Amino acid sequence: MTVVRISAEHNLYSLTAKGHAEYSTGGEDIVCAGISTILYALAGYIANSRMESSIRMEPGDVEITCSGNAQQVFLMAYIGLAQLAEKFPKNISISARFPDAIQIET
């Protein structure tokens, strides 16, 4: 299972993702592919922005942090990952803390 944690407070944003989805074998895992797509999109956006950031992406171990105006992009990543978690609850778990933003029920 991939466990994702997102924190966003006072223009400080953090996402960690640990573990493997294990929906299917490597190269055929659609849940892993979905998670990876969202995380790579988030990392690409952050890397190409002018925000101070740190990005580490390794198989089964991702950490993305930044400071700046990233609320909307982190909310977008959260919504996409939450939709995967709803459809594949045995393969991805997500929790988020957005005290300065709208609260989204999952």
C-alpha atoms as a PDB file:
ATOM      1  CA  MET A   1       0.000   0.000   0.000  1.00  0.00           C
ATOM      2  CA  THR A   2       1.104   3.542  -0.753  1.00  0.00           C
ATOM      3  CA  VAL A   3       0.569   5.904   2.179  1.00  0.00           C
ATOM      4  CA  VAL A   4       0.356   9.596   1.259  1.00  0.00           C
ATOM      5  CA  ARG A   5       0.447  12.475   3.738  1.00  0.00           C
ATOM      6  CA  ILE A   6      -0.066  16.100   2.736  1.00  0.00           C
ATOM      7  CA  SER A   7       0.338  19.141   4.951  1.00  0.00           C
ATOM      8  CA  ALA A   8      -0.289  22.720   3.919  1.00  0.00           C
ATOM      9  CA  GLU A   9      -0.193  25.584   6.342  1.00  0.00           C
ATOM     10  CA  HIS A  10       0.899  29.229   6.098  1.00  0.00           C
ATOM     11  CA  ASN A  11       2.490  28.833   2.641  1.00  0.00           C
ATOM     12  CA  LEU A  12       4.504  25.762   3.728  1.00  0.00           C
ATOM     13  CA  TYR A  13       3.565  22.627   1.806  1.00  0.00           C
ATOM     14  CA  SER A  14       4.691  19.041   2.194  1.00  0.00           C
ATOM     15  CA  LEU A  15       3.772  15.728   0.577  1.00  0.00           C
ATOM     16  CA  THR A  16       5.221  12.333   1.418  1.00  0.00           C
ATOM     17  CA  ALA A  17       4.365   9.053  -0.259  1.00  0.00           C
ATOM     18  CA  LYS A  18       5.734   5.780   1.095  1.00  0.00           C
ATOM     19  CA  GLY A  19       5.322   2.209  -0.074  1.00  0.00           C
ATOM     20  CA  HIS A  20       4.081   0.509  -3.217  1.00  0.00           C
ATOM     21  CA  ALA A  21       0.481   0.188  -4.409  1.00  0.00           C
ATOM     22  CA  GLU A  22       0.837  -3.559  -5.097  1.00  0.00           C
ATOM     23  CA  TYR A  23      -2.302  -3.657  -7.261  1.00  0.00           C
ATOM     24  CA  SER A  24      -0.470  -5.704  -9.899  1.00  0.00           C
ATOM     25  CA  THR A  25       3.035  -6.713 -10.924  1.00  0.00           C
ATOM     26  CA  GLY A  26       5.646  -4.116 -11.804  1.00  0.00           C
ATOM     27  CA  GLY A  27       5.060  -2.463 -15.146  1.00  0.00           C
ATOM     28  CA  GLU A  28       1.359  -3.386 -15.082  1.00  0.00           C
ATOM     29  CA  ASP A  29       0.230  -1.657 -11.890  1.00  0.00           C
ATOM     30  CA  ILE A  30      -2.411   0.901 -12.891  1.00  0.00           C
ATOM     31  CA  VAL A  31      -2.713   2.292  -9.355  1.00  0.00           C
ATOM     32  CA  CYS A  32       1.034   2.881  -9.167  1.00  0.00           C
ATOM     33  CA  ALA A  33       0.917   4.527 -12.589  1.00  0.00           C
ATOM     34  CA  GLY A  34      -1.875   6.855 -11.448  1.00  0.00           C
ATOM     35  CA  ILE A  35      -0.073   7.811  -8.248  1.00  0.00           C
ATOM     36  CA  SER A  36       3.197   8.354 -10.101  1.00  0.00           C
ATOM     37  CA  THR A  37       1.545  10.531 -12.737  1.00  0.00           C
ATOM     38  CA  ILE A  38       0.056  12.850 -10.124  1.00  0.00           C
ATOM     39  CA  LEU A  39       3.291  13.022  -8.113  1.00  0.00           C
ATOM     40  CA  TYR A  40       5.455  13.692 -11.191  1.00  0.00           C
ATOM     41  CA  ALA A  41       3.042  16.432 -12.306  1.00  0.00           C
ATOM     42  CA  LEU A  42       3.222  18.047  -8.853  1.00  0.00           C
ATOM     43  CA  ALA A  43       7.020  17.768  -8.758  1.00  0.00           C
ATOM     44  CA  GLY A  44       7.302  19.192 -12.276  1.00  0.00           C
ATOM     45  CA  TYR A  45       5.113  22.148 -11.421  1.00  0.00           C
ATOM     46  CA  ILE A  46       7.068  22.872  -8.242  1.00  0.00           C
ATOM     47  CA  ALA A  47      10.461  22.421  -9.950  1.00  0.00           C
ATOM     48  CA  ASN A  48       9.492  24.885 -12.703  1.00  0.00           C
ATOM     49  CA  SER A  49       8.103  27.479 -10.318  1.00  0.00           C
ATOM     50  CA  ARG A  50      10.093  30.121  -8.523  1.00  0.00           C
ATOM     51  CA  MET A  51       9.210  28.657  -5.132  1.00  0.00           C
ATOM     52  CA  GLU A  52      11.849  27.441  -2.727  1.00  0.00           C
ATOM     53  CA  SER A  53      11.532  23.668  -2.761  1.00  0.00           C
ATOM     54  CA  SER A  54      12.996  20.252  -2.120  1.00  0.00           C
ATOM     55  CA  ILE A  55      12.004  17.274  -4.257  1.00  0.00           C
ATOM     56  CA  ARG A  56      13.104  13.680  -3.708  1.00  0.00           C
ATOM     57  CA  MET A  57      11.507  10.966  -5.809  1.00  0.00           C
ATOM     58  CA  GLU A  58      12.631   7.372  -5.410  1.00  0.00           C
ATOM     59  CA  PRO A  59      10.626   4.177  -5.982  1.00  0.00           C
ATOM     60  CA  GLY A  60       8.303   3.832  -2.992  1.00  0.00           C
ATOM     61  CA  ASP A  61       9.669   6.945  -1.269  1.00  0.00           C
ATOM     62  CA  VAL A  62       8.690  10.479  -2.339  1.00  0.00           C
ATOM     63  CA  GLU A  63       9.029  13.763  -0.493  1.00  0.00           C
ATOM     64  CA  ILE A  64       8.038  17.107  -1.981  1.00  0.00           C
ATOM     65  CA  THR A  65       8.214  20.301   0.079  1.00  0.00           C
ATOM     66  CA  CYS A  66       7.960  23.931  -0.883  1.00  0.00           C
ATOM     67  CA  SER A  67       7.120  27.369   0.374  1.00  0.00           C
ATOM     68  CA  GLY A  68       5.142  29.898  -1.593  1.00  0.00           C
ATOM     69  CA  ASN A  69       1.800  30.087  -3.317  1.00  0.00           C
ATOM     70  CA  ALA A  70       1.229  26.364  -3.976  1.00  0.00           C
ATOM     71  CA  GLN A  71      -2.153  25.844  -2.337  1.00  0.00           C
ATOM     72  CA  GLN A  72      -4.057  25.149  -5.543  1.00  0.00           C
ATOM     73  CA  VAL A  73      -1.555  22.692  -6.987  1.00  0.00           C
ATOM     74  CA  PHE A  74      -1.372  20.746  -3.708  1.00  0.00           C
ATOM     75  CA  LEU A  75      -5.177  20.700  -3.545  1.00  0.00           C
ATOM     76  CA  MET A  76      -5.256  19.367  -7.103  1.00  0.00           C
ATOM     77  CA  ALA A  77      -2.782  16.608  -6.208  1.00  0.00           C
ATOM     78  CA  TYR A  78      -4.812  15.787  -3.098  1.00  0.00           C
ATOM     79  CA  ILE A  79      -8.070  15.521  -5.035  1.00  0.00           C
ATOM     80  CA  GLY A  80      -6.523  13.235  -7.651  1.00  0.00           C
ATOM     81  CA  LEU A  81      -4.898  10.991  -5.051  1.00  0.00           C
ATOM     82  CA  ALA A  82      -8.092  10.941  -2.939  1.00  0.00           C
ATOM     83  CA  GLN A  83     -10.064   9.778  -5.973  1.00  0.00           C
ATOM     84  CA  LEU A  84      -7.591   6.915  -6.435  1.00  0.00           C
ATOM     85  CA  ALA A  85      -7.836   6.075  -2.724  1.00  0.00           C
ATOM     86  CA  GLU A  86     -11.625   5.959  -2.966  1.00  0.00           C
ATOM     87  CA  LYS A  87     -11.522   3.544  -5.892  1.00  0.00           C
ATOM     88  CA  PHE A  88      -8.559   1.459  -4.649  1.00  0.00           C
ATOM     89  CA  PRO A  89      -8.661   1.594  -0.805  1.00  0.00           C
ATOM     90  CA  LYS A  90      -6.463  -1.506  -0.455  1.00  0.00           C
ATOM     91  CA  ASN A  91      -3.697   0.117  -2.470  1.00  0.00           C
ATOM     92  CA  ILE A  92      -3.516   3.786  -1.457  1.00  0.00           C
ATOM     93  CA  SER A  93      -4.255   5.662   1.756  1.00  0.00           C
ATOM     94  CA  ILE A  94      -4.212   9.447   1.951  1.00  0.00           C
ATOM     95  CA  SER A  95      -4.530  12.032   4.677  1.00  0.00           C
ATOM     96  CA  ALA A  96      -4.236  15.780   4.376  1.00  0.00           C
ATOM     97  CA  ARG A  97      -4.168  18.858   6.531  1.00  0.00           C
ATOM     98  CA  PHE A  98      -5.238  22.099   4.848  1.00  0.00           C
ATOM     99  CA  PRO A  99      -6.177  24.407   7.743  1.00  0.00           C
ATOM    100  CA  ASP A 100      -5.920  27.550   5.588  1.00  0.00           C
ATOM    101  CA  ALA A 101      -8.019  26.134   2.754  1.00  0.00           C
ATOM    102  CA  ILE A 102     -11.353  24.558   2.078  1.00  0.00           C
ATOM    103  CA  GLN A 103     -11.773  21.199   3.753  1.00  0.00           C
ATOM    104  CA  ILE A 104     -12.461  18.264   1.482  1.00  0.00           C
ATOM    105  CA  GLU A 105     -14.180  15.188   2.853  1.00  0.00           C
ATOM    106  CA  THR A 106     -12.890  11.784   1.738  1.00  0.00           C
END
